[in-house]
Amino acid sequence: MACMGILILEMMLLSRVGEHKMKLSEAFAID
């Protein structure tokens, strides 16, 4: 579970890096 938590944290940080910044809830939304 800690490994999964680190992956989620990694995606959260990456979502705030670069030109296309967005919240994790938007970047990981399932349509």
Full PDB file with SEQRES, HELIX, SHEET, SSBOND, CRYST1, ORIGX, SCALE, CONECT and MASTER records, all heavy atoms in Angstrom:
SEQRES   1 A   31  MET ALA CYS MET GLY ILE LEU ILE LEU GLU MET MET LEU          
SEQRES   2 A   31  LEU SER ARG VAL GLY GLU HIS LYS MET LYS LEU SER GLU          
SEQRES   3 A   31  ALA PHE ALA ILE ASP                                          
HELIX    1 AA1 ALA A    2  LEU A   14  1                                  13    
HELIX    2 AA2 LEU A   24  ALA A   27  1                                   4    
CRYST1    1.000    1.000    1.000  90.00  90.00  90.00 P 1           1          
ORIGX1      1.000000  0.000000  0.000000        0.00000                         
ORIGX2      0.000000  1.000000  0.000000        0.00000                         
ORIGX3      0.000000  0.000000  1.000000        0.00000                         
SCALE1      1.000000  0.000000  0.000000        0.00000                         
SCALE2      0.000000  1.000000  0.000000        0.00000                         
SCALE3      0.000000  0.000000  1.000000        0.00000                         
ATOM      1  N   MET A   1       0.834  -1.203   0.000  1.00  0.00           N  
ATOM      2  CA  MET A   1       0.000   0.000   0.000  1.00  0.00           C  
ATOM      3  C   MET A   1       0.870   1.255   0.000  1.00  0.00           C  
ATOM      4  O   MET A   1       0.523   2.276  -0.628  1.00  0.00           O  
ATOM      5  CB  MET A   1      -0.933   0.006   1.221  1.00  0.00           C  
ATOM      6  CG  MET A   1      -1.904  -1.161   1.266  1.00  0.00           C  
ATOM      7  SD  MET A   1      -2.922  -1.282  -0.235  1.00  0.00           S  
ATOM      8  CE  MET A   1      -3.883   0.219  -0.113  1.00  0.00           C  
ATOM      9  N   ALA A   2       2.014   1.189   0.671  1.00  0.00           N  
ATOM     10  CA  ALA A   2       2.927   2.335   0.670  1.00  0.00           C  
ATOM     11  C   ALA A   2       3.490   2.579  -0.732  1.00  0.00           C  
ATOM     12  O   ALA A   2       3.648   3.739  -1.152  1.00  0.00           O  
ATOM     13  CB  ALA A   2       4.069   2.084   1.658  1.00  0.00           C  
ATOM     14  N   CYS A   3       3.782   1.506  -1.460  1.00  0.00           N  
ATOM     15  CA  CYS A   3       4.260   1.652  -2.839  1.00  0.00           C  
ATOM     16  C   CYS A   3       3.217   2.348  -3.699  1.00  0.00           C  
ATOM     17  O   CYS A   3       3.540   3.234  -4.508  1.00  0.00           O  
ATOM     18  CB  CYS A   3       4.588   0.278  -3.438  1.00  0.00           C  
ATOM     19  SG  CYS A   3       6.064  -0.500  -2.750  1.00  0.00           S  
ATOM     20  N   MET A   4       1.938   1.966  -3.531  1.00  0.00           N  
ATOM     21  CA  MET A   4       0.869   2.620  -4.277  1.00  0.00           C  
ATOM     22  C   MET A   4       0.760   4.093  -3.891  1.00  0.00           C  
ATOM     23  O   MET A   4       0.543   4.961  -4.747  1.00  0.00           O  
ATOM     24  CB  MET A   4      -0.461   1.900  -4.013  1.00  0.00           C  
ATOM     25  CG  MET A   4      -0.529   0.489  -4.589  1.00  0.00           C  
ATOM     26  SD  MET A   4      -2.146  -0.282  -4.342  1.00  0.00           S  
ATOM     27  CE  MET A   4      -3.217   0.833  -5.230  1.00  0.00           C  
ATOM     28  N   GLY A   5       0.919   4.370  -2.597  1.00  0.00           N  
ATOM     29  CA  GLY A   5       0.868   5.753  -2.149  1.00  0.00           C  
ATOM     30  C   GLY A   5       1.978   6.598  -2.765  1.00  0.00           C  
ATOM     31  O   GLY A   5       1.759   7.758  -3.143  1.00  0.00           O  
ATOM     32  N   ILE A   6       3.173   6.019  -2.904  1.00  0.00           N  
ATOM     33  CA  ILE A   6       4.288   6.742  -3.521  1.00  0.00           C  
ATOM     34  C   ILE A   6       4.000   7.020  -4.990  1.00  0.00           C  
ATOM     35  O   ILE A   6       4.299   8.107  -5.502  1.00  0.00           O  
ATOM     36  CB  ILE A   6       5.592   5.929  -3.358  1.00  0.00           C  
ATOM     37  CG1 ILE A   6       5.994   5.878  -1.881  1.00  0.00           C  
ATOM     38  CG2 ILE A   6       6.717   6.541  -4.187  1.00  0.00           C  
ATOM     39  CD1 ILE A   6       7.170   4.974  -1.596  1.00  0.00           C  
ATOM     40  N   LEU A   7       3.395   6.051  -5.683  1.00  0.00           N  
ATOM     41  CA  LEU A   7       3.032   6.268  -7.089  1.00  0.00           C  
ATOM     42  C   LEU A   7       2.026   7.410  -7.232  1.00  0.00           C  
ATOM     43  O   LEU A   7       2.136   8.249  -8.136  1.00  0.00           O  
ATOM     44  CB  LEU A   7       2.452   4.985  -7.688  1.00  0.00           C  
ATOM     45  CG  LEU A   7       3.434   3.956  -8.250  1.00  0.00           C  
ATOM     46  CD1 LEU A   7       2.684   2.724  -8.755  1.00  0.00           C  
ATOM     47  CD2 LEU A   7       4.267   4.557  -9.384  1.00  0.00           C  
ATOM     48  N   ILE A   8       1.035   7.424  -6.348  1.00  0.00           N  
ATOM     49  CA  ILE A   8       0.033   8.500  -6.391  1.00  0.00           C  
ATOM     50  C   ILE A   8       0.687   9.850  -6.119  1.00  0.00           C  
ATOM     51  O   ILE A   8       0.405  10.855  -6.794  1.00  0.00           O  
ATOM     52  CB  ILE A   8      -1.094   8.215  -5.376  1.00  0.00           C  
ATOM     53  CG1 ILE A   8      -1.878   6.961  -5.803  1.00  0.00           C  
ATOM     54  CG2 ILE A   8      -2.031   9.420  -5.261  1.00  0.00           C  
ATOM     55  CD1 ILE A   8      -2.893   6.496  -4.772  1.00  0.00           C  
ATOM     56  N   LEU A   9       1.581   9.880  -5.128  1.00  0.00           N  
ATOM     57  CA  LEU A   9       2.289  11.116  -4.810  1.00  0.00           C  
ATOM     58  C   LEU A   9       3.143  11.571  -5.995  1.00  0.00           C  
ATOM     59  O   LEU A   9       3.202  12.771  -6.315  1.00  0.00           O  
ATOM     60  CB  LEU A   9       3.168  10.905  -3.580  1.00  0.00           C  
ATOM     61  CG  LEU A   9       4.023  12.104  -3.137  1.00  0.00           C  
ATOM     62  CD1 LEU A   9       3.127  13.275  -2.755  1.00  0.00           C  
ATOM     63  CD2 LEU A   9       4.929  11.713  -1.967  1.00  0.00           C  
ATOM     64  N   GLU A  10       3.762  10.604  -6.673  1.00  0.00           N  
ATOM     65  CA  GLU A  10       4.580  10.935  -7.844  1.00  0.00           C  
ATOM     66  C   GLU A  10       3.730  11.561  -8.937  1.00  0.00           C  
ATOM     67  O   GLU A  10       4.124  12.579  -9.543  1.00  0.00           O  
ATOM     68  CB  GLU A  10       5.245   9.658  -8.364  1.00  0.00           C  
ATOM     69  CG  GLU A  10       6.089   9.860  -9.607  1.00  0.00           C  
ATOM     70  CD  GLU A  10       6.614   8.560 -10.178  1.00  0.00           C  
ATOM     71  OE1 GLU A  10       6.329   7.488  -9.596  1.00  0.00           O  
ATOM     72  OE2 GLU A  10       7.310   8.612 -11.213  1.00  0.00           O  
ATOM     73  N   MET A  11       2.548  11.005  -9.210  1.00  0.00           N  
ATOM     74  CA  MET A  11       1.675  11.571 -10.235  1.00  0.00           C  
ATOM     75  C   MET A  11       1.169  12.949  -9.829  1.00  0.00           C  
ATOM     76  O   MET A  11       1.005  13.839 -10.677  1.00  0.00           O  
ATOM     77  CB  MET A  11       0.506  10.619 -10.492  1.00  0.00           C  
ATOM     78  CG  MET A  11       0.899   9.348 -11.236  1.00  0.00           C  
ATOM     79  SD  MET A  11      -0.505   8.334 -11.753  1.00  0.00           S  
ATOM     80  CE  MET A  11      -1.102   7.760 -10.173  1.00  0.00           C  
ATOM     81  N   MET A  12       0.942  13.127  -8.532  1.00  0.00           N  
ATOM     82  CA  MET A  12       0.479  14.426  -8.048  1.00  0.00           C  
ATOM     83  C   MET A  12       1.543  15.494  -8.299  1.00  0.00           C  
ATOM     84  O   MET A  12       1.239  16.610  -8.753  1.00  0.00           O  
ATOM     85  CB  MET A  12       0.170  14.329  -6.547  1.00  0.00           C  
ATOM     86  CG  MET A  12      -0.418  15.605  -5.943  1.00  0.00           C  
ATOM     87  SD  MET A  12      -0.688  15.418  -4.153  1.00  0.00           S  
ATOM     88  CE  MET A  12      -1.837  14.032  -4.139  1.00  0.00           C  
ATOM     89  N   LEU A  13       2.812  15.159  -8.029  1.00  0.00           N  
ATOM     90  CA  LEU A  13       3.892  16.114  -8.240  1.00  0.00           C  
ATOM     91  C   LEU A  13       4.114  16.373  -9.726  1.00  0.00           C  
ATOM     92  O   LEU A  13       4.337  17.519 -10.148  1.00  0.00           O  
ATOM     93  CB  LEU A  13       5.181  15.590  -7.594  1.00  0.00           C  
ATOM     94  CG  LEU A  13       5.167  15.478  -6.067  1.00  0.00           C  
ATOM     95  CD1 LEU A  13       6.456  14.826  -5.571  1.00  0.00           C  
ATOM     96  CD2 LEU A  13       4.987  16.852  -5.430  1.00  0.00           C  
ATOM     97  N   LEU A  14       4.052  15.314 -10.548  1.00  0.00           N  
ATOM     98  CA  LEU A  14       4.253  15.476 -11.990  1.00  0.00           C  
ATOM     99  C   LEU A  14       3.153  16.321 -12.617  1.00  0.00           C  
ATOM    100  O   LEU A  14       3.381  17.006 -13.622  1.00  0.00           O  
ATOM    101  CB  LEU A  14       4.316  14.096 -12.664  1.00  0.00           C  
ATOM    102  CG  LEU A  14       5.586  13.280 -12.415  1.00  0.00           C  
ATOM    103  CD1 LEU A  14       5.448  11.886 -13.030  1.00  0.00           C  
ATOM    104  CD2 LEU A  14       6.809  13.987 -12.986  1.00  0.00           C  
ATOM    105  N   SER A  15       1.948  16.267 -12.030  1.00  0.00           N  
ATOM    106  CA  SER A  15       0.831  17.055 -12.572  1.00  0.00           C  
ATOM    107  C   SER A  15       1.064  18.554 -12.424  1.00  0.00           C  
ATOM    108  O   SER A  15       0.430  19.363 -13.115  1.00  0.00           O  
ATOM    109  CB  SER A  15      -0.479  16.671 -11.858  1.00  0.00           C  
ATOM    110  OG  SER A  15      -0.779  15.319 -12.063  1.00  0.00           O  
ATOM    111  N   ARG A  16       1.966  18.909 -11.521  1.00  0.00           N  
ATOM    112  CA  ARG A  16       2.240  20.328 -11.271  1.00  0.00           C  
ATOM    113  C   ARG A  16       3.538  20.782 -11.934  1.00  0.00           C  
ATOM    114  O   ARG A  16       4.038  21.881 -11.650  1.00  0.00           O  
ATOM    115  CB  ARG A  16       2.307  20.574  -9.773  1.00  0.00           C  
ATOM    116  CG  ARG A  16       1.014  20.221  -9.051  1.00  0.00           C  
ATOM    117  CD  ARG A  16       1.118  20.432  -7.554  1.00  0.00           C  
ATOM    118  NE  ARG A  16      -0.121  20.081  -6.881  1.00  0.00           N  
ATOM    119  CZ  ARG A  16      -1.169  20.875  -6.749  1.00  0.00           C  
ATOM    120  NH1 ARG A  16      -1.131  22.093  -7.248  1.00  0.00           N  
ATOM    121  NH2 ARG A  16      -2.253  20.464  -6.115  1.00  0.00           N  
ATOM    122  N   VAL A  17       4.091  19.899 -12.802  1.00  0.00           N  
ATOM    123  CA  VAL A  17       5.350  20.212 -13.475  1.00  0.00           C  
ATOM    124  C   VAL A  17       5.095  20.359 -14.972  1.00  0.00           C  
ATOM    125  O   VAL A  17       4.269  19.642 -15.550  1.00  0.00           O  
ATOM    126  CB  VAL A  17       6.399  19.094 -13.220  1.00  0.00           C  
ATOM    127  CG1 VAL A  17       7.661  19.340 -14.033  1.00  0.00           C  
ATOM    128  CG2 VAL A  17       6.732  19.008 -11.736  1.00  0.00           C  
ATOM    129  N   GLY A  18       5.785  21.289 -15.628  1.00  0.00           N  
ATOM    130  CA  GLY A  18       5.667  21.445 -17.069  1.00  0.00           C  
ATOM    131  C   GLY A  18       4.627  22.467 -17.477  1.00  0.00           C  
ATOM    132  O   GLY A  18       4.075  23.211 -16.653  1.00  0.00           O  
ATOM    133  N   GLU A  19       4.328  22.480 -18.772  1.00  0.00           N  
ATOM    134  CA  GLU A  19       3.417  23.478 -19.321  1.00  0.00           C  
ATOM    135  C   GLU A  19       1.962  23.198 -18.951  1.00  0.00           C  
ATOM    136  O   GLU A  19       1.187  24.110 -18.675  1.00  0.00           O  
ATOM    137  CB  GLU A  19       3.560  23.529 -20.846  1.00  0.00           C  
ATOM    138  CG  GLU A  19       4.952  23.962 -21.310  1.00  0.00           C  
ATOM    139  CD  GLU A  19       5.035  23.995 -22.819  1.00  0.00           C  
ATOM    140  OE1 GLU A  19       4.012  23.699 -23.473  1.00  0.00           O  
ATOM    141  OE2 GLU A  19       6.108  24.320 -23.349  1.00  0.00           O  
ATOM    142  N   HIS A  20       1.564  21.910 -18.992  1.00  0.00           N  
ATOM    143  CA  HIS A  20       0.154  21.561 -18.762  1.00  0.00           C  
ATOM    144  C   HIS A  20      -0.041  21.155 -17.296  1.00  0.00           C  
ATOM    145  O   HIS A  20      -0.055  19.973 -16.957  1.00  0.00           O  
ATOM    146  CB  HIS A  20      -0.270  20.429 -19.699  1.00  0.00           C  
ATOM    147  CG  HIS A  20       0.011  20.718 -21.144  1.00  0.00           C  
ATOM    148  ND1 HIS A  20       1.151  20.286 -21.778  1.00  0.00           N  
ATOM    149  CD2 HIS A  20      -0.696  21.423 -22.065  1.00  0.00           C  
ATOM    150  CE1 HIS A  20       1.144  20.702 -23.039  1.00  0.00           C  
ATOM    151  NE2 HIS A  20       0.028  21.404 -23.239  1.00  0.00           N  
ATOM    152  N   LYS A  21      -0.170  22.149 -16.428  1.00  0.00           N  
ATOM    153  CA  LYS A  21      -0.369  21.884 -15.011  1.00  0.00           C  
ATOM    154  C   LYS A  21      -1.850  21.694 -14.722  1.00  0.00           C  
ATOM    155  O   LYS A  21      -2.692  22.392 -15.262  1.00  0.00           O  
ATOM    156  CB  LYS A  21       0.188  23.034 -14.184  1.00  0.00           C  
ATOM    157  CG  LYS A  21       1.691  23.242 -14.356  1.00  0.00           C  
ATOM    158  CD  LYS A  21       2.170  24.423 -13.538  1.00  0.00           C  
ATOM    159  CE  LYS A  21       3.674  24.646 -13.747  1.00  0.00           C  
ATOM    160  NZ  LYS A  21       4.168  25.814 -12.967  1.00  0.00           N  
ATOM    161  N   MET A  22      -2.149  20.721 -13.852  1.00  0.00           N  
ATOM    162  CA  MET A  22      -3.537  20.474 -13.464  1.00  0.00           C  
ATOM    163  C   MET A  22      -3.558  19.705 -12.162  1.00  0.00           C  
ATOM    164  O   MET A  22      -2.543  19.163 -11.720  1.00  0.00           O  
ATOM    165  CB  MET A  22      -4.288  19.697 -14.560  1.00  0.00           C  
ATOM    166  CG  MET A  22      -3.714  18.310 -14.853  1.00  0.00           C  
ATOM    167  SD  MET A  22      -4.621  17.454 -16.170  1.00  0.00           S  
ATOM    168  CE  MET A  22      -4.106  18.400 -17.601  1.00  0.00           C  
ATOM    169  N   LYS A  23      -4.718  19.663 -11.543  1.00  0.00           N  
ATOM    170  CA  LYS A  23      -4.879  18.888 -10.320  1.00  0.00           C  
ATOM    171  C   LYS A  23      -4.869  17.396 -10.651  1.00  0.00           C  
ATOM    172  O   LYS A  23      -5.234  16.997 -11.748  1.00  0.00           O  
ATOM    173  CB  LYS A  23      -6.192  19.253  -9.638  1.00  0.00           C  
ATOM    174  CG  LYS A  23      -6.266  20.699  -9.151  1.00  0.00           C  
ATOM    175  CD  LYS A  23      -7.601  20.969  -8.489  1.00  0.00           C  
ATOM    176  CE  LYS A  23      -7.689  22.409  -7.992  1.00  0.00           C  
ATOM    177  NZ  LYS A  23      -9.015  22.688  -7.365  1.00  0.00           N  
ATOM    178  N   LEU A  24      -4.490  16.583  -9.666  1.00  0.00           N  
ATOM    179  CA  LEU A  24      -4.450  15.137  -9.894  1.00  0.00           C  
ATOM    180  C   LEU A  24      -5.837  14.600 -10.210  1.00  0.00           C  
ATOM    181  O   LEU A  24      -5.986  13.692 -11.026  1.00  0.00           O  
ATOM    182  CB  LEU A  24      -3.881  14.430  -8.660  1.00  0.00           C  
ATOM    183  CG  LEU A  24      -3.767  12.893  -8.779  1.00  0.00           C  
ATOM    184  CD1 LEU A  24      -2.799  12.519  -9.900  1.00  0.00           C  
ATOM    185  CD2 LEU A  24      -3.301  12.283  -7.454  1.00  0.00           C  
ATOM    186  N   SER A  25      -6.857  15.172  -9.581  1.00  0.00           N  
ATOM    187  CA  SER A  25      -8.225  14.709  -9.839  1.00  0.00           C  
ATOM    188  C   SER A  25      -8.614  14.925 -11.295  1.00  0.00           C  
ATOM    189  O   SER A  25      -9.414  14.170 -11.858  1.00  0.00           O  
ATOM    190  CB  SER A  25      -9.211  15.440  -8.924  1.00  0.00           C  
ATOM    191  OG  SER A  25      -9.113  16.847  -9.101  1.00  0.00           O  
ATOM    192  N   GLU A  26      -8.046  15.967 -11.927  1.00  0.00           N  
ATOM    193  CA  GLU A  26      -8.321  16.213 -13.337  1.00  0.00           C  
ATOM    194  C   GLU A  26      -7.433  15.335 -14.221  1.00  0.00           C  
ATOM    195  O   GLU A  26      -7.879  14.778 -15.225  1.00  0.00           O  
ATOM    196  CB  GLU A  26      -8.081  17.693 -13.661  1.00  0.00           C  
ATOM    197  CG  GLU A  26      -8.986  18.640 -12.897  1.00  0.00           C  
ATOM    198  CD  GLU A  26      -8.588  20.090 -13.115  1.00  0.00           C  
ATOM    199  OE1 GLU A  26      -7.500  20.328 -13.690  1.00  0.00           O  
ATOM    200  OE2 GLU A  26      -9.356  20.985 -12.703  1.00  0.00           O  
ATOM    201  N   ALA A  27      -6.167  15.200 -13.837  1.00  0.00           N  
ATOM    202  CA  ALA A  27      -5.227  14.425 -14.645  1.00  0.00           C  
ATOM    203  C   ALA A  27      -5.534  12.934 -14.601  1.00  0.00           C  
ATOM    204  O   ALA A  27      -5.196  12.196 -15.535  1.00  0.00           O  
ATOM    205  CB  ALA A  27      -3.799  14.663 -14.160  1.00  0.00           C  
ATOM    206  N   PHE A  28      -6.182  12.491 -13.532  1.00  0.00           N  
ATOM    207  CA  PHE A  28      -6.439  11.052 -13.370  1.00  0.00           C  
ATOM    208  C   PHE A  28      -7.935  10.735 -13.443  1.00  0.00           C  
ATOM    209  O   PHE A  28      -8.376   9.704 -12.980  1.00  0.00           O  
ATOM    210  CB  PHE A  28      -5.865  10.567 -12.031  1.00  0.00           C  
ATOM    211  CG  PHE A  28      -5.566   9.102 -12.000  1.00  0.00           C  
ATOM    212  CD1 PHE A  28      -4.534   8.574 -12.755  1.00  0.00           C  
ATOM    213  CD2 PHE A  28      -6.306   8.248 -11.201  1.00  0.00           C  
ATOM    214  CE1 PHE A  28      -4.254   7.212 -12.730  1.00  0.00           C  
ATOM    215  CE2 PHE A  28      -6.025   6.887 -11.162  1.00  0.00           C  
ATOM    216  CZ  PHE A  28      -4.998   6.379 -11.933  1.00  0.00           C  
ATOM    217  N   ALA A  29      -8.696  11.636 -14.019  1.00  0.00           N  
ATOM    218  CA  ALA A  29     -10.144  11.422 -14.134  1.00  0.00           C  
ATOM    219  C   ALA A  29     -10.432  10.306 -15.141  1.00  0.00           C  
ATOM    220  O   ALA A  29      -9.792  10.217 -16.189  1.00  0.00           O  
ATOM    221  CB  ALA A  29     -10.828  12.708 -14.561  1.00  0.00           C  
ATOM    222  N   ILE A  30     -11.391   9.446 -14.806  1.00  0.00           N  
ATOM    223  CA  ILE A  30     -11.800   8.354 -15.692  1.00  0.00           C  
ATOM    224  C   ILE A  30     -13.092   8.765 -16.394  1.00  0.00           C  
ATOM    225  O   ILE A  30     -14.126   8.949 -15.751  1.00  0.00           O  
ATOM    226  CB  ILE A  30     -12.013   7.049 -14.908  1.00  0.00           C  
ATOM    227  CG1 ILE A  30     -10.706   6.629 -14.227  1.00  0.00           C  
ATOM    228  CG2 ILE A  30     -12.510   5.945 -15.828  1.00  0.00           C  
ATOM    229  CD1 ILE A  30     -10.832   5.392 -13.372  1.00  0.00           C  
ATOM    230  N   ASP A  31     -13.024   8.921 -17.705  1.00  0.00           N  
ATOM    231  CA  ASP A  31     -14.187   9.350 -18.479  1.00  0.00           C  
ATOM    232  C   ASP A  31     -15.043   8.142 -18.834  1.00  0.00           C  
ATOM    233  O   ASP A  31     -14.535   7.119 -19.316  1.00  0.00           O  
ATOM    234  CB  ASP A  31     -13.726  10.047 -19.762  1.00  0.00           C  
ATOM    235  CG  ASP A  31     -12.881  11.281 -19.469  1.00  0.00           C  
ATOM    236  OD1 ASP A  31     -13.201  11.983 -18.492  1.00  0.00           O  
ATOM    237  OD2 ASP A  31     -11.896  11.501 -20.201  1.00  0.00           O  
TER     238      ASP A  31                                                      
MASTER        0    0    0    2    0    0    0    6  237    1    0    3          
END                                                                             
